[in-house]
Amino acid sequence: MPGRTQESIPFAFVAEADRFRSDIQPPKYRATPGEIAGRWLVGLLVVGGLAASMVFGVPALQSGSGEAPSGSETAATQSD
């Protein structure tokens, strides 16, 4: 199309969009006292669960007093 002229496309609005800053900000979210209490309770539940697992788990992992098993226990383990 030889008779058509080139029209310039104004890109100034794109450049201005980077510099535009809105003075309207969304309100800051604040947790309610119930949400804060719930978070504390969940944290205490997790810490309590870890402490209970240590209290009940550590004695179960100990190998005992170091005595050799008696004859009946040895025979039962060998027959299995």
N, C-alpha and C. Protein backbone atom coordinates (compact mmCIF):
# COMPACT_ATOMS: atom_id res chain seq x y z
N MET A 1 0.83 -1.17 0.00
CA MET A 1 0.00 0.00 0.00
C MET A 1 0.89 1.25 0.00
N PRO A 2 1.19 1.69 -1.13
CA PRO A 2 2.14 2.79 -1.23
C PRO A 2 1.60 4.12 -0.72
N GLY A 3 0.32 4.39 -0.76
CA GLY A 3 -0.19 5.69 -0.38
C GLY A 3 -0.48 5.83 1.11
N ARG A 4 -0.27 4.79 1.86
CA ARG A 4 -0.61 4.82 3.29
C ARG A 4 0.52 5.46 4.10
N THR A 5 0.18 6.33 5.01
CA THR A 5 1.19 6.98 5.84
C THR A 5 1.33 6.23 7.15
N GLN A 6 2.50 6.30 7.71
CA GLN A 6 2.76 5.65 8.99
C GLN A 6 2.31 6.57 10.12
N GLU A 7 1.43 6.08 10.95
CA GLU A 7 1.00 6.85 12.11
C GLU A 7 1.82 6.41 13.31
N SER A 8 2.29 7.37 14.05
CA SER A 8 3.06 7.02 15.23
C SER A 8 2.10 6.60 16.34
N ILE A 9 2.52 5.60 17.05
CA ILE A 9 1.70 5.10 18.16
C ILE A 9 2.24 5.71 19.43
N PRO A 10 1.41 6.40 20.17
CA PRO A 10 1.90 7.05 21.39
C PRO A 10 2.14 6.03 22.50
N PHE A 11 3.39 5.83 22.84
CA PHE A 11 3.74 4.92 23.92
C PHE A 11 4.05 5.66 25.21
N ALA A 12 3.75 6.92 25.26
CA ALA A 12 4.04 7.70 26.46
C ALA A 12 3.23 7.20 27.65
N PHE A 13 2.01 6.73 27.40
CA PHE A 13 1.19 6.24 28.51
C PHE A 13 1.80 5.00 29.15
N VAL A 14 2.52 4.19 28.39
CA VAL A 14 3.18 3.01 28.94
C VAL A 14 4.33 3.43 29.85
N ALA A 15 5.10 4.41 29.42
CA ALA A 15 6.21 4.89 30.23
C ALA A 15 5.72 5.56 31.50
N GLU A 16 4.59 6.25 31.43
CA GLU A 16 4.05 6.90 32.62
C GLU A 16 3.50 5.89 33.61
N ALA A 17 3.09 4.75 33.14
CA ALA A 17 2.51 3.75 34.03
C ALA A 17 3.56 3.24 35.02
N ASP A 18 4.82 3.20 34.63
CA ASP A 18 5.87 2.75 35.55
C ASP A 18 6.10 3.75 36.67
N ARG A 19 5.88 5.01 36.39
CA ARG A 19 6.12 6.04 37.40
C ARG A 19 4.89 6.31 38.26
N PHE A 20 3.76 5.80 37.88
CA PHE A 20 2.52 6.10 38.60
C PHE A 20 2.50 5.38 39.94
N ARG A 21 2.21 6.10 40.98
CA ARG A 21 2.08 5.53 42.32
C ARG A 21 0.74 5.98 42.88
N SER A 22 0.00 5.04 43.32
CA SER A 22 -1.30 5.35 43.90
C SER A 22 -1.15 5.71 45.36
N ASP A 23 -1.91 6.69 45.80
CA ASP A 23 -1.89 7.04 47.20
C ASP A 23 -2.92 6.25 47.99
N ILE A 24 -3.65 5.38 47.30
CA ILE A 24 -4.64 4.53 47.96
C ILE A 24 -3.97 3.20 48.26
N GLN A 25 -3.92 2.84 49.54
CA GLN A 25 -3.31 1.58 49.94
C GLN A 25 -4.36 0.72 50.61
N PRO A 26 -4.27 -0.59 50.42
CA PRO A 26 -5.22 -1.47 51.09
C PRO A 26 -5.00 -1.42 52.60
N PRO A 27 -6.03 -1.62 53.37
CA PRO A 27 -5.86 -1.59 54.83
C PRO A 27 -4.96 -2.73 55.29
N LYS A 28 -4.18 -2.47 56.32
CA LYS A 28 -3.30 -3.49 56.86
C LYS A 28 -4.13 -4.51 57.65
N TYR A 29 -3.78 -5.77 57.45
CA TYR A 29 -4.51 -6.85 58.11
C TYR A 29 -3.99 -7.01 59.53
N ARG A 30 -4.89 -7.05 60.47
CA ARG A 30 -4.54 -7.30 61.87
C ARG A 30 -5.29 -8.53 62.34
N ALA A 31 -4.56 -9.41 62.98
CA ALA A 31 -5.17 -10.63 63.49
C ALA A 31 -6.03 -10.30 64.71
N THR A 32 -7.15 -10.99 64.80
CA THR A 32 -8.02 -10.80 65.95
C THR A 32 -7.44 -11.53 67.15
N PRO A 33 -7.86 -11.15 68.35
CA PRO A 33 -7.35 -11.86 69.54
C PRO A 33 -7.64 -13.37 69.50
N GLY A 34 -8.74 -13.76 68.91
CA GLY A 34 -9.03 -15.18 68.78
C GLY A 34 -8.05 -15.91 67.88
N GLU A 35 -7.65 -15.26 66.79
CA GLU A 35 -6.66 -15.87 65.90
C GLU A 35 -5.30 -15.97 66.57
N ILE A 36 -4.94 -14.95 67.33
CA ILE A 36 -3.66 -14.99 68.05
C ILE A 36 -3.68 -16.11 69.09
N ALA A 37 -4.78 -16.24 69.82
CA ALA A 37 -4.88 -17.31 70.81
C ALA A 37 -4.85 -18.68 70.13
N GLY A 38 -5.48 -18.80 68.98
CA GLY A 38 -5.45 -20.07 68.25
C GLY A 38 -4.06 -20.44 67.80
N ARG A 39 -3.30 -19.44 67.36
CA ARG A 39 -1.92 -19.72 66.95
C ARG A 39 -1.07 -20.16 68.12
N TRP A 40 -1.28 -19.52 69.28
CA TRP A 40 -0.54 -19.93 70.48
C TRP A 40 -0.90 -21.36 70.88
N LEU A 41 -2.19 -21.69 70.80
CA LEU A 41 -2.61 -23.05 71.19
C LEU A 41 -2.04 -24.10 70.23
N VAL A 42 -2.01 -23.80 68.96
CA VAL A 42 -1.43 -24.75 68.00
C VAL A 42 0.07 -24.91 68.27
N GLY A 43 0.75 -23.82 68.56
CA GLY A 43 2.17 -23.90 68.88
C GLY A 43 2.42 -24.72 70.13
N LEU A 44 1.61 -24.49 71.16
CA LEU A 44 1.76 -25.27 72.39
C LEU A 44 1.46 -26.75 72.15
N LEU A 45 0.49 -27.03 71.31
CA LEU A 45 0.15 -28.41 70.99
C LEU A 45 1.32 -29.11 70.29
N VAL A 46 1.95 -28.42 69.36
CA VAL A 46 3.09 -29.00 68.64
C VAL A 46 4.26 -29.23 69.59
N VAL A 47 4.58 -28.23 70.41
CA VAL A 47 5.69 -28.37 71.35
C VAL A 47 5.39 -29.46 72.38
N GLY A 48 4.16 -29.52 72.85
CA GLY A 48 3.78 -30.56 73.81
C GLY A 48 3.86 -31.95 73.19
N GLY A 49 3.47 -32.07 71.93
CA GLY A 49 3.57 -33.36 71.26
C GLY A 49 5.01 -33.81 71.09
N LEU A 50 5.88 -32.86 70.75
CA LEU A 50 7.30 -33.21 70.63
C LEU A 50 7.89 -33.60 71.98
N ALA A 51 7.51 -32.88 73.04
CA ALA A 51 8.02 -33.21 74.37
C ALA A 51 7.51 -34.58 74.82
N ALA A 52 6.25 -34.87 74.57
CA ALA A 52 5.68 -36.17 74.96
C ALA A 52 6.34 -37.31 74.18
N SER A 53 6.64 -37.07 72.90
CA SER A 53 7.29 -38.13 72.13
C SER A 53 8.70 -38.40 72.66
N MET A 54 9.36 -37.37 73.15
CA MET A 54 10.68 -37.58 73.75
C MET A 54 10.56 -38.32 75.09
N VAL A 55 9.56 -37.96 75.89
CA VAL A 55 9.40 -38.60 77.21
C VAL A 55 9.10 -40.08 77.04
N PHE A 56 8.22 -40.42 76.10
CA PHE A 56 7.85 -41.83 75.93
C PHE A 56 8.79 -42.58 74.98
N GLY A 57 9.48 -41.86 74.08
CA GLY A 57 10.30 -42.53 73.09
C GLY A 57 11.70 -42.85 73.56
N VAL A 58 12.30 -42.00 74.36
CA VAL A 58 13.68 -42.22 74.79
C VAL A 58 13.82 -43.49 75.64
N PRO A 59 12.96 -43.74 76.61
CA PRO A 59 13.11 -45.00 77.37
C PRO A 59 12.91 -46.24 76.49
N ALA A 60 12.07 -46.13 75.48
CA ALA A 60 11.85 -47.29 74.60
C ALA A 60 13.06 -47.57 73.72
N LEU A 61 13.88 -46.57 73.46
CA LEU A 61 15.05 -46.75 72.62
C LEU A 61 16.26 -47.24 73.38
N GLN A 62 16.23 -47.17 74.69
CA GLN A 62 17.37 -47.62 75.48
C GLN A 62 17.45 -49.13 75.43
N SER A 63 18.68 -49.65 75.40
CA SER A 63 18.88 -51.09 75.18
C SER A 63 18.65 -51.93 76.43
N GLY A 64 18.39 -51.34 77.53
CA GLY A 64 18.15 -52.11 78.75
C GLY A 64 19.37 -52.06 79.65
N SER A 65 19.48 -53.02 80.55
CA SER A 65 20.57 -53.00 81.52
C SER A 65 21.82 -53.72 81.02
N GLY A 66 21.83 -54.20 79.82
CA GLY A 66 23.02 -54.84 79.27
C GLY A 66 23.09 -56.32 79.56
N GLU A 67 22.04 -56.92 80.10
CA GLU A 67 22.06 -58.35 80.40
C GLU A 67 21.82 -59.14 79.13
N ALA A 68 22.41 -60.32 79.06
CA ALA A 68 22.16 -61.21 77.93
C ALA A 68 20.79 -61.84 78.11
N PRO A 69 20.07 -62.12 77.03
CA PRO A 69 18.75 -62.75 77.16
C PRO A 69 18.87 -64.16 77.74
N SER A 70 17.87 -64.53 78.49
CA SER A 70 17.90 -65.86 79.11
C SER A 70 17.69 -66.94 78.04
N GLY A 71 17.82 -68.18 78.43
CA GLY A 71 17.72 -69.28 77.48
C GLY A 71 16.39 -69.40 76.77
N SER A 72 15.27 -69.15 77.49
CA SER A 72 13.96 -69.27 76.85
C SER A 72 13.76 -68.16 75.81
N GLU A 73 14.29 -66.98 76.09
CA GLU A 73 14.15 -65.89 75.10
C GLU A 73 15.02 -66.18 73.88
N THR A 74 16.19 -66.79 74.07
CA THR A 74 17.06 -67.09 72.95
C THR A 74 16.45 -68.18 72.09
N ALA A 75 15.85 -69.19 72.67
CA ALA A 75 15.23 -70.27 71.94
C ALA A 75 14.03 -69.77 71.16
N ALA A 76 13.26 -68.84 71.72
CA ALA A 76 12.08 -68.30 71.05
C ALA A 76 12.49 -67.46 69.84
N THR A 77 13.56 -66.73 69.93
CA THR A 77 13.99 -65.91 68.81
C THR A 77 14.64 -66.75 67.71
N GLN A 78 15.26 -67.87 68.06
CA GLN A 78 15.88 -68.71 67.05
C GLN A 78 14.85 -69.55 66.29
N SER A 79 13.74 -69.89 66.91
CA SER A 79 12.73 -70.73 66.25
C SER A 79 11.90 -69.92 65.26
N ASP A 80 11.90 -68.59 65.37
CA ASP A 80 11.07 -67.77 64.44
C ASP A 80 11.66 -67.65 63.11
